Amino acid sequence: MNTQPASVSFSSFVTSLFVSALHYLGQSEEDPKPRLVMAKQTIDLLEVLQKKTKGNLDDEEIEHLAQLISELQIKFVEVSQAHANK
């Protein structure tokens, strides 16, 4: 059995932030209540990483980060609108 922790890559790091943002958007079974402020802060953090790492990422990392941000922005709008209509 391998007891060493998995290595952390840029992609795994931003994916963990993506999962956190989904949780804050109420997309997890254990806590379906959206926390929009926390979700927005996490999305903003991903955008800061995108800007600050420009020129230092490979093509796959650039695409992965852009895709995650785009998905979260769309989901944020959907959740925000649904929450406003309650």
Protein backbone atom coordinates (compact mmCIF):
# COMPACT_ATOMS: atom_id res chain seq x y z
CA MET A 1 0.00 0.00 0.00
CA ASN A 2 1.36 3.40 -0.99
CA THR A 3 1.21 5.81 1.96
CA GLN A 4 2.81 8.77 0.24
CA PRO A 5 0.44 11.61 -0.61
CA ALA A 6 -0.28 12.23 -4.27
CA SER A 7 1.82 14.95 -5.81
CA VAL A 8 0.12 18.30 -6.24
CA SER A 9 0.04 19.84 -9.68
CA PHE A 10 -1.31 23.18 -10.82
CA SER A 11 -4.26 21.40 -12.42
CA SER A 12 -5.10 19.47 -9.26
CA PHE A 13 -4.85 22.69 -7.24
CA VAL A 14 -7.25 24.65 -9.45
CA THR A 15 -9.57 21.65 -9.62
CA SER A 16 -9.74 21.63 -5.82
CA LEU A 17 -10.74 25.30 -5.90
CA PHE A 18 -13.35 24.46 -8.56
CA VAL A 19 -14.84 21.76 -6.31
CA SER A 20 -14.89 24.19 -3.39
CA ALA A 21 -16.72 26.76 -5.51
CA LEU A 22 -19.29 24.14 -6.55
CA HIS A 23 -19.81 23.33 -2.88
CA TYR A 24 -20.37 27.03 -2.13
CA LEU A 25 -22.84 27.14 -5.01
CA GLY A 26 -24.91 24.48 -3.24
CA GLN A 27 -23.93 21.69 -5.60
CA SER A 28 -23.02 19.16 -2.90
CA GLU A 29 -25.38 16.72 -1.24
CA GLU A 30 -24.09 17.41 2.26
CA ASP A 31 -24.72 21.18 2.06
CA PRO A 32 -27.14 22.21 -0.70
CA LYS A 33 -27.51 25.79 0.61
CA PRO A 34 -25.67 28.24 -1.67
CA ARG A 35 -23.17 30.64 -0.14
CA LEU A 36 -22.82 33.07 -3.01
CA VAL A 37 -20.24 35.37 -1.39
CA MET A 38 -17.86 32.46 -0.80
CA ALA A 39 -18.51 31.12 -4.31
CA LYS A 40 -17.76 34.53 -5.84
CA GLN A 41 -14.55 34.86 -3.84
CA THR A 42 -13.37 31.44 -5.01
CA ILE A 43 -14.17 32.25 -8.65
CA ASP A 44 -12.34 35.56 -8.25
CA LEU A 45 -9.35 33.70 -6.80
CA LEU A 46 -9.24 31.45 -9.87
CA GLU A 47 -9.31 34.55 -12.08
CA VAL A 48 -6.43 36.07 -10.11
CA LEU A 49 -4.45 32.86 -10.60
CA GLN A 50 -5.24 33.00 -14.32
CA LYS A 51 -3.88 36.54 -14.58
CA LYS A 52 -0.85 36.03 -12.34
CA THR A 53 0.26 32.81 -14.04
CA LYS A 54 -0.11 34.15 -17.60
CA GLY A 55 2.95 33.14 -19.59
CA ASN A 56 3.92 30.42 -17.09
CA LEU A 57 1.39 27.70 -17.90
CA ASP A 58 1.39 25.13 -20.66
CA ASP A 59 -1.48 24.99 -23.17
CA GLU A 60 -3.28 22.21 -21.29
CA GLU A 61 -3.17 24.14 -18.00
CA ILE A 62 -4.37 27.33 -19.70
CA GLU A 63 -7.34 25.54 -21.25
CA HIS A 64 -8.17 23.65 -18.06
CA LEU A 65 -8.22 26.82 -15.95
CA ALA A 66 -10.25 28.75 -18.52
CA GLN A 67 -12.80 25.92 -18.72
CA LEU A 68 -13.19 25.72 -14.94
CA ILE A 69 -13.69 29.48 -14.63
CA SER A 70 -16.23 29.51 -17.46
CA GLU A 71 -18.24 26.65 -15.94
CA LEU A 72 -18.27 28.32 -12.55
CA GLN A 73 -19.32 31.69 -13.94
CA ILE A 74 -22.27 30.10 -15.74
CA LYS A 75 -23.29 28.11 -12.67
CA PHE A 76 -22.94 31.21 -10.48
CA VAL A 77 -25.37 33.14 -12.68
CA GLU A 78 -27.83 30.23 -12.69
CA VAL A 79 -27.72 29.80 -8.92
CA SER A 80 -27.88 33.55 -8.29
CA GLN A 81 -30.95 33.91 -10.49
CA ALA A 82 -32.67 30.90 -8.91
CA HIS A 83 -31.86 32.21 -5.44
CA ALA A 84 -33.21 35.68 -6.31
CA ASN A 85 -36.49 34.19 -7.52
CA LYS A 86 -37.22 32.49 -4.17
